[in-house]
Amino acid sequence: MSVFAAQYARALADVVMAKKLDPRQVEAQFGDFLGTLRDSRELQEIFGNPSITLETKLKVLEAIAPRLGLAKEMRNFFAVVLQNGRIDALNSIAEEYRKEMNVRLHVRQATITSVRELDPEEKSEIEAQASKLAGTQVHAAFRRDPSLLGGVILRIGDTIYDGSLRGRLEELRGKLLAN
């Protein structure tokens, strides 16, 4: 993590909180901009080339902002990033922004691993149970691991809740060997 990425993230989070913007929409707009930048060789060349004037870069930003549905605050944020020559650090800034907003909104990140792809209803139910366990709102990332056999493994921070069939079988094996 760079110090300046955290500074940009805190500044954006300050704007989001002060203007009462929807953090999910801001994060979605951030992701849309990053995806567009990642997928466009031309944008990368324009925004990353120091020989192209700031004025030209800002005109390009103004042109793509409506197409991406960027709020005025997000457009202004990206303009500041361009002005300061930090476009190459946007991924780090986005990561720091997510962390900063999670702290401010008392949201914890979790990883839920299951043997198969879960449907949206199952994901929602497991996420709700994870929130109860954590005592705060949880945003989960879902992964698949066919070796689990069944059940799920929930990781919130450093705490792991192993409700997998593989985990239960290993626990039973340990008990049988202990006797």
N, C-alpha and C. Protein backbone atom coordinates (compact mmCIF):
# COMPACT_ATOMS: atom_id res chain seq x y z
N MET A 1 0.84 -1.18 0.00
CA MET A 1 0.00 0.00 0.00
C MET A 1 0.88 1.24 0.00
N SER A 2 0.54 2.17 -0.85
CA SER A 2 1.26 3.43 -0.84
C SER A 2 0.50 4.43 0.03
N VAL A 3 1.25 5.33 0.61
CA VAL A 3 0.65 6.33 1.48
C VAL A 3 -0.31 7.21 0.69
N PHE A 4 0.10 7.59 -0.52
CA PHE A 4 -0.76 8.49 -1.29
C PHE A 4 -2.05 7.81 -1.72
N ALA A 5 -2.04 6.49 -1.96
CA ALA A 5 -3.27 5.77 -2.34
C ALA A 5 -4.28 5.86 -1.19
N ALA A 6 -3.80 5.70 0.02
CA ALA A 6 -4.67 5.80 1.19
C ALA A 6 -5.20 7.23 1.35
N GLN A 7 -4.37 8.22 1.03
CA GLN A 7 -4.81 9.62 1.12
C GLN A 7 -5.91 9.92 0.11
N TYR A 8 -5.75 9.45 -1.11
CA TYR A 8 -6.78 9.63 -2.12
C TYR A 8 -8.07 8.92 -1.70
N ALA A 9 -7.91 7.70 -1.18
CA ALA A 9 -9.07 6.92 -0.75
C ALA A 9 -9.82 7.62 0.37
N ARG A 10 -9.09 8.14 1.34
CA ARG A 10 -9.74 8.87 2.44
C ARG A 10 -10.45 10.12 1.93
N ALA A 11 -9.81 10.82 1.00
CA ALA A 11 -10.43 12.03 0.44
C ALA A 11 -11.73 11.69 -0.28
N LEU A 12 -11.72 10.63 -1.07
CA LEU A 12 -12.94 10.21 -1.77
C LEU A 12 -14.00 9.77 -0.76
N ALA A 13 -13.60 9.02 0.25
CA ALA A 13 -14.54 8.59 1.28
C ALA A 13 -15.13 9.79 2.02
N ASP A 14 -14.32 10.82 2.26
CA ASP A 14 -14.83 12.05 2.89
C ASP A 14 -15.93 12.68 2.04
N VAL A 15 -15.71 12.73 0.73
CA VAL A 15 -16.70 13.30 -0.18
C VAL A 15 -17.97 12.46 -0.18
N VAL A 16 -17.81 11.15 -0.24
CA VAL A 16 -18.97 10.24 -0.25
C VAL A 16 -19.81 10.44 1.00
N MET A 17 -19.15 10.53 2.15
CA MET A 17 -19.88 10.69 3.40
C MET A 17 -20.50 12.09 3.50
N ALA A 18 -19.75 13.12 3.13
CA ALA A 18 -20.25 14.49 3.25
C ALA A 18 -21.43 14.75 2.31
N LYS A 19 -21.36 14.19 1.12
CA LYS A 19 -22.43 14.42 0.13
C LYS A 19 -23.53 13.36 0.23
N LYS A 20 -23.36 12.42 1.17
CA LYS A 20 -24.32 11.33 1.38
C LYS A 20 -24.58 10.55 0.08
N LEU A 21 -23.49 10.24 -0.62
CA LEU A 21 -23.58 9.44 -1.83
C LEU A 21 -23.71 7.97 -1.45
N ASP A 22 -24.27 7.19 -2.33
CA ASP A 22 -24.40 5.75 -2.10
C ASP A 22 -23.03 5.10 -2.33
N PRO A 23 -22.40 4.56 -1.29
CA PRO A 23 -21.06 3.98 -1.45
C PRO A 23 -21.02 2.86 -2.48
N ARG A 24 -22.11 2.10 -2.61
CA ARG A 24 -22.12 1.02 -3.60
C ARG A 24 -22.10 1.58 -5.01
N GLN A 25 -22.81 2.68 -5.24
CA GLN A 25 -22.80 3.31 -6.57
C GLN A 25 -21.43 3.89 -6.87
N VAL A 26 -20.82 4.50 -5.88
CA VAL A 26 -19.48 5.06 -6.07
C VAL A 26 -18.50 3.94 -6.41
N GLU A 27 -18.57 2.84 -5.67
CA GLU A 27 -17.68 1.72 -5.95
C GLU A 27 -17.95 1.13 -7.33
N ALA A 28 -19.21 1.06 -7.73
CA ALA A 28 -19.56 0.56 -9.06
C ALA A 28 -19.01 1.48 -10.15
N GLN A 29 -19.12 2.79 -9.94
CA GLN A 29 -18.60 3.74 -10.92
C GLN A 29 -17.07 3.65 -10.98
N PHE A 30 -16.45 3.47 -9.84
CA PHE A 30 -15.00 3.29 -9.80
C PHE A 30 -14.63 2.05 -10.61
N GLY A 31 -15.36 0.96 -10.39
CA GLY A 31 -15.10 -0.28 -11.12
C GLY A 31 -15.34 -0.14 -12.61
N ASP A 32 -16.39 0.57 -12.99
CA ASP A 32 -16.68 0.79 -14.42
C ASP A 32 -15.54 1.57 -15.07
N PHE A 33 -15.06 2.60 -14.37
CA PHE A 33 -13.97 3.40 -14.93
C PHE A 33 -12.70 2.54 -15.07
N LEU A 34 -12.38 1.78 -14.01
CA LEU A 34 -11.20 0.91 -14.06
C LEU A 34 -11.31 -0.12 -15.18
N GLY A 35 -12.49 -0.71 -15.34
CA GLY A 35 -12.70 -1.69 -16.40
C GLY A 35 -12.55 -1.09 -17.77
N THR A 36 -13.10 0.10 -17.96
CA THR A 36 -12.99 0.79 -19.25
C THR A 36 -11.53 1.11 -19.54
N LEU A 37 -10.83 1.60 -18.53
CA LEU A 37 -9.41 1.92 -18.70
C LEU A 37 -8.61 0.66 -19.01
N ARG A 38 -8.90 -0.41 -18.29
CA ARG A 38 -8.18 -1.68 -18.51
C ARG A 38 -8.41 -2.22 -19.92
N ASP A 39 -9.64 -2.07 -20.42
CA ASP A 39 -10.00 -2.65 -21.71
C ASP A 39 -9.67 -1.76 -22.90
N SER A 40 -9.27 -0.53 -22.67
CA SER A 40 -9.00 0.40 -23.77
C SER A 40 -7.53 0.79 -23.81
N ARG A 41 -6.85 0.26 -24.78
CA ARG A 41 -5.44 0.58 -24.98
C ARG A 41 -5.28 2.08 -25.25
N GLU A 42 -6.25 2.65 -26.00
CA GLU A 42 -6.19 4.08 -26.34
C GLU A 42 -6.27 4.96 -25.10
N LEU A 43 -7.22 4.63 -24.19
CA LEU A 43 -7.33 5.41 -22.96
C LEU A 43 -6.07 5.29 -22.11
N GLN A 44 -5.51 4.10 -22.05
CA GLN A 44 -4.28 3.91 -21.28
C GLN A 44 -3.17 4.79 -21.85
N GLU A 45 -3.09 4.85 -23.17
CA GLU A 45 -2.04 5.66 -23.80
C GLU A 45 -2.28 7.14 -23.57
N ILE A 46 -3.53 7.58 -23.67
CA ILE A 46 -3.84 9.00 -23.47
C ILE A 46 -3.58 9.40 -22.03
N PHE A 47 -4.17 8.65 -21.08
CA PHE A 47 -4.06 9.03 -19.67
C PHE A 47 -2.65 8.81 -19.10
N GLY A 48 -1.94 7.84 -19.64
CA GLY A 48 -0.62 7.52 -19.09
C GLY A 48 0.53 8.23 -19.76
N ASN A 49 0.28 8.91 -20.86
CA ASN A 49 1.35 9.54 -21.62
C ASN A 49 1.62 10.95 -21.10
N PRO A 50 2.80 11.20 -20.54
CA PRO A 50 3.09 12.52 -19.99
C PRO A 50 3.21 13.62 -21.05
N SER A 51 3.38 13.23 -22.32
CA SER A 51 3.50 14.25 -23.36
C SER A 51 2.13 14.78 -23.83
N ILE A 52 1.06 14.10 -23.44
CA ILE A 52 -0.28 14.57 -23.76
C ILE A 52 -0.70 15.56 -22.68
N THR A 53 -1.20 16.69 -23.10
CA THR A 53 -1.52 17.76 -22.14
C THR A 53 -2.65 17.35 -21.21
N LEU A 54 -2.62 17.95 -20.03
CA LEU A 54 -3.68 17.72 -19.05
C LEU A 54 -5.03 18.15 -19.63
N GLU A 55 -5.04 19.23 -20.36
CA GLU A 55 -6.27 19.73 -20.97
C GLU A 55 -6.90 18.66 -21.87
N THR A 56 -6.08 18.00 -22.67
CA THR A 56 -6.58 16.94 -23.56
C THR A 56 -7.10 15.76 -22.74
N LYS A 57 -6.37 15.39 -21.70
CA LYS A 57 -6.80 14.28 -20.85
C LYS A 57 -8.14 14.59 -20.19
N LEU A 58 -8.30 15.82 -19.72
CA LEU A 58 -9.56 16.21 -19.08
C LEU A 58 -10.72 16.23 -20.08
N LYS A 59 -10.45 16.62 -21.32
CA LYS A 59 -11.49 16.60 -22.36
C LYS A 59 -11.93 15.16 -22.64
N VAL A 60 -10.98 14.25 -22.67
CA VAL A 60 -11.31 12.83 -22.87
C VAL A 60 -12.14 12.33 -21.69
N LEU A 61 -11.75 12.69 -20.48
CA LEU A 61 -12.51 12.30 -19.29
C LEU A 61 -13.93 12.85 -19.37
N GLU A 62 -14.08 14.11 -19.75
CA GLU A 62 -15.41 14.72 -19.90
C GLU A 62 -16.25 13.97 -20.93
N ALA A 63 -15.60 13.47 -21.98
CA ALA A 63 -16.32 12.76 -23.05
C ALA A 63 -16.80 11.39 -22.59
N ILE A 64 -16.00 10.71 -21.78
CA ILE A 64 -16.39 9.34 -21.39
C ILE A 64 -17.24 9.32 -20.12
N ALA A 65 -17.18 10.37 -19.33
CA ALA A 65 -17.92 10.39 -18.05
C ALA A 65 -19.41 10.11 -18.22
N PRO A 66 -20.12 10.77 -19.16
CA PRO A 66 -21.55 10.47 -19.30
C PRO A 66 -21.83 9.04 -19.77
N ARG A 67 -20.96 8.53 -20.63
CA ARG A 67 -21.14 7.15 -21.13
C ARG A 67 -21.00 6.13 -20.01
N LEU A 68 -20.16 6.45 -19.04
CA LEU A 68 -19.96 5.55 -17.90
C LEU A 68 -20.94 5.83 -16.76
N GLY A 69 -21.71 6.90 -16.89
CA GLY A 69 -22.65 7.26 -15.84
C GLY A 69 -21.96 7.76 -14.58
N LEU A 70 -20.83 8.44 -14.76
CA LEU A 70 -20.08 8.92 -13.60
C LEU A 70 -20.78 10.12 -12.98
N ALA A 71 -20.95 10.07 -11.68
CA ALA A 71 -21.45 11.23 -10.94
C ALA A 71 -20.40 12.34 -11.03
N LYS A 72 -20.86 13.57 -10.84
CA LYS A 72 -19.97 14.73 -10.91
C LYS A 72 -18.78 14.55 -9.95
N GLU A 73 -19.06 14.03 -8.76
CA GLU A 73 -18.00 13.85 -7.77
C GLU A 73 -16.94 12.85 -8.24
N MET A 74 -17.39 11.79 -8.91
CA MET A 74 -16.43 10.80 -9.42
C MET A 74 -15.63 11.38 -10.58
N ARG A 75 -16.29 12.10 -11.45
CA ARG A 75 -15.58 12.76 -12.56
C ARG A 75 -14.52 13.70 -11.98
N ASN A 76 -14.89 14.46 -10.98
CA ASN A 76 -13.94 15.39 -10.36
C ASN A 76 -12.78 14.63 -9.70
N PHE A 77 -13.10 13.53 -9.06
CA PHE A 77 -12.06 12.71 -8.42
C PHE A 77 -11.06 12.22 -9.46
N PHE A 78 -11.56 11.68 -10.57
CA PHE A 78 -10.66 11.18 -11.61
C PHE A 78 -9.86 12.33 -12.23
N ALA A 79 -10.45 13.51 -12.30
CA ALA A 79 -9.73 14.68 -12.82
C ALA A 79 -8.56 15.02 -11.90
N VAL A 80 -8.78 14.97 -10.60
CA VAL A 80 -7.69 15.25 -9.64
C VAL A 80 -6.59 14.20 -9.77
N VAL A 81 -6.99 12.94 -9.92
CA VAL A 81 -6.01 11.86 -10.09
C VAL A 81 -5.18 12.13 -11.35
N LEU A 82 -5.84 12.52 -12.44
CA LEU A 82 -5.11 12.84 -13.67
C LEU A 82 -4.19 14.04 -13.48
N GLN A 83 -4.69 15.07 -12.82
CA GLN A 83 -3.89 16.29 -12.60
C GLN A 83 -2.61 15.99 -11.83
N ASN A 84 -2.71 15.04 -10.93
CA ASN A 84 -1.55 14.71 -10.09
C ASN A 84 -0.72 13.55 -10.62
N GLY A 85 -1.05 13.09 -11.83
CA GLY A 85 -0.25 12.03 -12.45
C GLY A 85 -0.31 10.70 -11.73
N ARG A 86 -1.45 10.38 -11.13
CA ARG A 86 -1.57 9.15 -10.34
C ARG A 86 -2.48 8.10 -10.98
N ILE A 87 -2.74 8.24 -12.27
CA ILE A 87 -3.67 7.31 -12.94
C ILE A 87 -3.19 5.86 -12.83
N ASP A 88 -1.89 5.66 -12.80
CA ASP A 88 -1.36 4.29 -12.71
C ASP A 88 -1.60 3.66 -11.34
N ALA A 89 -2.03 4.45 -10.37
CA ALA A 89 -2.27 3.94 -9.02
C ALA A 89 -3.75 3.72 -8.72
N LEU A 90 -4.60 3.81 -9.75
CA LEU A 90 -6.04 3.72 -9.50
C LEU A 90 -6.47 2.41 -8.86
N ASN A 91 -5.86 1.31 -9.24
CA ASN A 91 -6.23 0.02 -8.62
C ASN A 91 -5.93 0.04 -7.12
N SER A 92 -4.80 0.57 -6.75
CA SER A 92 -4.44 0.67 -5.33
C SER A 92 -5.38 1.62 -4.60
N ILE A 93 -5.71 2.72 -5.25
CA ILE A 93 -6.63 3.68 -4.64
C ILE A 93 -8.00 3.04 -4.43
N ALA A 94 -8.46 2.29 -5.43
CA ALA A 94 -9.77 1.62 -5.32
C ALA A 94 -9.78 0.63 -4.17
N GLU A 95 -8.70 -0.12 -4.03
CA GLU A 95 -8.61 -1.09 -2.93
C GLU A 95 -8.62 -0.39 -1.58
N GLU A 96 -7.87 0.70 -1.47
CA GLU A 96 -7.84 1.46 -0.22
C GLU A 96 -9.19 2.12 0.06
N TYR A 97 -9.87 2.56 -0.99
CA TYR A 97 -11.20 3.17 -0.83
C TYR A 97 -12.17 2.14 -0.23
N ARG A 98 -12.15 0.91 -0.78
CA ARG A 98 -13.02 -0.15 -0.26
C ARG A 98 -12.75 -0.39 1.22
N LYS A 99 -11.49 -0.47 1.57
CA LYS A 99 -11.12 -0.69 2.98
C LYS A 99 -11.59 0.47 3.85
N GLU A 100 -11.37 1.68 3.38
CA GLU A 100 -11.75 2.87 4.15
C GLU A 100 -13.26 2.92 4.36
N MET A 101 -14.03 2.65 3.31
CA MET A 101 -15.49 2.68 3.45
C MET A 101 -15.98 1.55 4.34
N ASN A 102 -15.35 0.40 4.28
CA ASN A 102 -15.74 -0.70 5.16
C ASN A 102 -15.53 -0.32 6.62
N VAL A 103 -14.44 0.36 6.91
CA VAL A 103 -14.18 0.81 8.28
C VAL A 103 -15.24 1.82 8.69
N ARG A 104 -15.50 2.79 7.83
CA ARG A 104 -16.45 3.86 8.18
C ARG A 104 -17.88 3.33 8.33
N LEU A 105 -18.22 2.33 7.53
CA LEU A 105 -19.59 1.79 7.57
C LEU A 105 -19.70 0.56 8.47
N HIS A 106 -18.61 0.21 9.16
CA HIS A 106 -18.58 -0.95 10.06
C HIS A 106 -18.95 -2.23 9.31
N VAL A 107 -18.37 -2.40 8.14
CA VAL A 107 -18.59 -3.59 7.32
C VAL A 107 -17.33 -4.43 7.36
N ARG A 108 -17.51 -5.73 7.53
CA ARG A 108 -16.37 -6.66 7.51
C ARG A 108 -16.41 -7.47 6.24
N GLN A 109 -15.25 -7.79 5.74
CA GLN A 109 -15.13 -8.63 4.55
C GLN A 109 -15.07 -10.09 4.98
N ALA A 110 -15.70 -10.93 4.19
CA ALA A 110 -15.68 -12.36 4.48
C ALA A 110 -15.45 -13.12 3.18
N THR A 111 -14.94 -14.31 3.33
CA THR A 111 -14.80 -15.22 2.19
C THR A 111 -15.59 -16.48 2.53
N ILE A 112 -16.47 -16.85 1.62
CA ILE A 112 -17.29 -18.04 1.82
C ILE A 112 -16.94 -19.02 0.71
N THR A 113 -16.48 -20.19 1.12
CA THR A 113 -16.05 -21.21 0.17
C THR A 113 -17.03 -22.38 0.24
N SER A 114 -17.50 -22.79 -0.93
CA SER A 114 -18.44 -23.91 -1.00
C SER A 114 -18.01 -24.86 -2.11
N VAL A 115 -18.60 -26.05 -2.07
CA VAL A 115 -18.24 -27.07 -3.05
C VAL A 115 -18.80 -26.74 -4.44
N ARG A 116 -19.89 -25.98 -4.48
CA ARG A 116 -20.53 -25.66 -5.77
C ARG A 116 -20.90 -24.18 -5.80
N GLU A 117 -21.25 -23.72 -6.97
CA GLU A 117 -21.73 -22.34 -7.12
C GLU A 117 -23.06 -22.21 -6.39
N LEU A 118 -23.17 -21.21 -5.56
CA LEU A 118 -24.40 -20.99 -4.80
C LEU A 118 -25.32 -20.06 -5.57
N ASP A 119 -26.63 -20.30 -5.44
CA ASP A 119 -27.57 -19.40 -6.11
C ASP A 119 -27.71 -18.13 -5.27
N PRO A 120 -28.27 -17.07 -5.83
CA PRO A 120 -28.34 -15.78 -5.12
C PRO A 120 -29.05 -15.86 -3.76
N GLU A 121 -30.09 -16.68 -3.67
CA GLU A 121 -30.81 -16.82 -2.40
C GLU A 121 -29.92 -17.46 -1.34
N GLU A 122 -29.17 -18.49 -1.72
CA GLU A 122 -28.26 -19.15 -0.78
C GLU A 122 -27.15 -18.19 -0.33
N LYS A 123 -26.62 -17.43 -1.30
CA LYS A 123 -25.58 -16.47 -0.96
C LYS A 123 -26.10 -15.45 0.04
N SER A 124 -27.28 -14.95 -0.21
CA SER A 124 -27.87 -13.95 0.68
C SER A 124 -28.08 -14.52 2.08
N GLU A 125 -28.58 -15.76 2.15
CA GLU A 125 -28.83 -16.40 3.45
C GLU A 125 -27.52 -16.63 4.21
N ILE A 126 -26.50 -17.10 3.53
CA ILE A 126 -25.22 -17.36 4.19
C ILE A 126 -24.58 -16.04 4.62
N GLU A 127 -24.70 -15.02 3.79
CA GLU A 127 -24.15 -13.71 4.14
C GLU A 127 -24.86 -13.15 5.37
N ALA A 128 -26.17 -13.36 5.46
CA ALA A 128 -26.93 -12.90 6.64
C ALA A 128 -26.45 -13.64 7.89
N GLN A 129 -26.23 -14.95 7.79
CA GLN A 129 -25.73 -15.71 8.93
C GLN A 129 -24.32 -15.25 9.32
N ALA A 130 -23.50 -14.93 8.32
CA ALA A 130 -22.15 -14.43 8.60
C ALA A 130 -22.23 -13.10 9.33
N SER A 131 -23.17 -12.25 8.95
CA SER A 131 -23.36 -10.96 9.62
C SER A 131 -23.74 -11.16 11.08
N LYS A 132 -24.59 -12.14 11.34
CA LYS A 132 -24.97 -12.44 12.73
C LYS A 132 -23.76 -12.90 13.53
N LEU A 133 -22.96 -13.79 12.94
CA LEU A 133 -21.76 -14.28 13.63
C LEU A 133 -20.78 -13.15 13.92
N ALA A 134 -20.62 -12.24 12.95
CA ALA A 134 -19.65 -11.16 13.09
C ALA A 134 -20.17 -10.02 13.96
N GLY A 135 -21.48 -9.96 14.13
CA GLY A 135 -22.08 -8.88 14.90
C GLY A 135 -22.07 -7.55 14.16
N THR A 136 -21.86 -7.58 12.88
CA THR A 136 -21.85 -6.39 12.03
C THR A 136 -22.14 -6.81 10.59
N GLN A 137 -22.36 -5.84 9.74
CA GLN A 137 -22.65 -6.15 8.34
C GLN A 137 -21.42 -6.80 7.70
N VAL A 138 -21.67 -7.79 6.86
CA VAL A 138 -20.59 -8.52 6.18
C VAL A 138 -20.84 -8.48 4.68
N HIS A 139 -19.78 -8.19 3.93
CA HIS A 139 -19.80 -8.33 2.47
C HIS A 139 -18.93 -9.54 2.16
N ALA A 140 -19.49 -10.48 1.45
CA ALA A 140 -18.78 -11.73 1.21
C ALA A 140 -18.33 -11.88 -0.23
N ALA A 141 -17.17 -12.49 -0.37
CA ALA A 141 -16.69 -12.95 -1.66
C ALA A 141 -16.89 -14.46 -1.65
N PHE A 142 -17.41 -14.99 -2.74
CA PHE A 142 -17.71 -16.42 -2.79
C PHE A 142 -16.72 -17.13 -3.69
N ARG A 143 -16.26 -18.29 -3.21
CA ARG A 143 -15.33 -19.12 -3.97
C ARG A 143 -15.84 -20.56 -4.00
N ARG A 144 -15.34 -21.32 -4.96
CA ARG A 144 -15.68 -22.74 -5.05
C ARG A 144 -14.44 -23.56 -4.76
N ASP A 145 -14.65 -24.70 -4.07
CA ASP A 145 -13.58 -25.65 -3.80
C ASP A 145 -14.20 -27.05 -3.82
N PRO A 146 -14.05 -27.77 -4.93
CA PRO A 146 -14.67 -29.10 -5.06
C PRO A 146 -14.18 -30.11 -4.03
N SER A 147 -13.05 -29.86 -3.38
CA SER A 147 -12.53 -30.82 -2.40
C SER A 147 -13.29 -30.79 -1.08
N LEU A 148 -14.19 -29.83 -0.89
CA LEU A 148 -14.92 -29.73 0.39
C LEU A 148 -15.94 -30.84 0.59
N LEU A 149 -16.43 -31.44 -0.46
CA LEU A 149 -17.45 -32.49 -0.46
C LEU A 149 -18.85 -31.94 -0.19
N GLY A 150 -18.99 -30.98 0.68
CA GLY A 150 -20.27 -30.37 1.01
C GLY A 150 -20.08 -29.33 2.09
N GLY A 151 -21.12 -28.54 2.35
CA GLY A 151 -21.05 -27.50 3.38
C GLY A 151 -20.27 -26.29 2.91
N VAL A 152 -19.92 -25.42 3.86
CA VAL A 152 -19.18 -24.19 3.54
C VAL A 152 -18.12 -23.92 4.59
N ILE A 153 -17.13 -23.12 4.17
CA ILE A 153 -16.13 -22.58 5.09
C ILE A 153 -16.28 -21.07 5.02
N LEU A 154 -16.43 -20.45 6.19
CA LEU A 154 -16.58 -19.01 6.30
C LEU A 154 -15.35 -18.44 6.96
N ARG A 155 -14.76 -17.44 6.33
CA ARG A 155 -13.60 -16.76 6.91
C ARG A 155 -13.95 -15.28 7.05
N ILE A 156 -13.90 -14.79 8.29
CA ILE A 156 -14.11 -13.37 8.59
C ILE A 156 -12.86 -12.91 9.31
N GLY A 157 -12.05 -12.12 8.64
CA GLY A 157 -10.77 -11.71 9.22
C GLY A 157 -9.90 -12.93 9.43
N ASP A 158 -9.44 -13.12 10.65
CA ASP A 158 -8.59 -14.27 10.98
C ASP A 158 -9.38 -15.45 11.52
N THR A 159 -10.70 -15.31 11.62
CA THR A 159 -11.53 -16.37 12.19
C THR A 159 -12.11 -17.22 11.08
N ILE A 160 -11.99 -18.54 11.24
CA ILE A 160 -12.51 -19.48 10.25
C ILE A 160 -13.57 -20.35 10.91
N TYR A 161 -14.73 -20.41 10.28
CA TYR A 161 -15.82 -21.30 10.70
C TYR A 161 -15.91 -22.39 9.65
N ASP A 162 -15.53 -23.60 10.03
CA ASP A 162 -15.50 -24.69 9.06
C ASP A 162 -16.73 -25.56 9.23
N GLY A 163 -17.68 -25.36 8.34
CA GLY A 163 -18.90 -26.17 8.32
C GLY A 163 -18.90 -27.11 7.13
N SER A 164 -17.72 -27.42 6.63
CA SER A 164 -17.63 -28.29 5.47
C SER A 164 -17.68 -29.76 5.89
N LEU A 165 -18.10 -30.58 5.00
CA LEU A 165 -18.13 -32.02 5.26
C LEU A 165 -16.71 -32.54 5.46
N ARG A 166 -15.78 -32.03 4.66
CA ARG A 166 -14.38 -32.44 4.81
C ARG A 166 -13.88 -32.09 6.22
N GLY A 167 -14.20 -30.89 6.69
CA GLY A 167 -13.78 -30.46 8.03
C GLY A 167 -14.38 -31.33 9.12
N ARG A 168 -15.65 -31.66 8.96
CA ARG A 168 -16.32 -32.52 9.96
C ARG A 168 -15.72 -33.92 9.97
N LEU A 169 -15.40 -34.45 8.78
CA LEU A 169 -14.78 -35.78 8.71
C LEU A 169 -13.39 -35.77 9.34
N GLU A 170 -12.63 -34.69 9.12
CA GLU A 170 -11.31 -34.59 9.73
C GLU A 170 -11.42 -34.48 11.26
N GLU A 171 -12.42 -33.75 11.72
CA GLU A 171 -12.65 -33.63 13.16
C GLU A 171 -13.00 -34.99 13.76
N LEU A 172 -13.88 -35.75 13.09
CA LEU A 172 -14.26 -37.08 13.54
C LEU A 172 -13.06 -38.01 13.55
N ARG A 173 -12.24 -37.93 12.51
CA ARG A 173 -11.03 -38.76 12.42
C ARG A 173 -10.12 -38.47 13.61
N GLY A 174 -9.95 -37.19 13.93
CA GLY A 174 -9.10 -36.80 15.06
C GLY A 174 -9.63 -37.36 16.38
N LYS A 175 -10.95 -37.32 16.56
CA LYS A 175 -11.55 -37.87 17.78
C LYS A 175 -11.36 -39.36 17.87
N LEU A 176 -11.53 -40.05 16.74
CA LEU A 176 -11.36 -41.50 16.73
C LEU A 176 -9.92 -41.91 17.01
N LEU A 177 -8.98 -41.16 16.49
CA LEU A 177 -7.57 -41.47 16.71
C LEU A 177 -7.13 -41.14 18.14
N ALA A 178 -7.82 -40.18 18.77
CA ALA A 178 -7.47 -39.76 20.13
C ALA A 178 -7.89 -40.82 21.16
N ASN A 179 -8.86 -41.64 20.82
CA ASN A 179 -9.35 -42.65 21.78
C ASN A 179 -8.53 -43.87 21.79
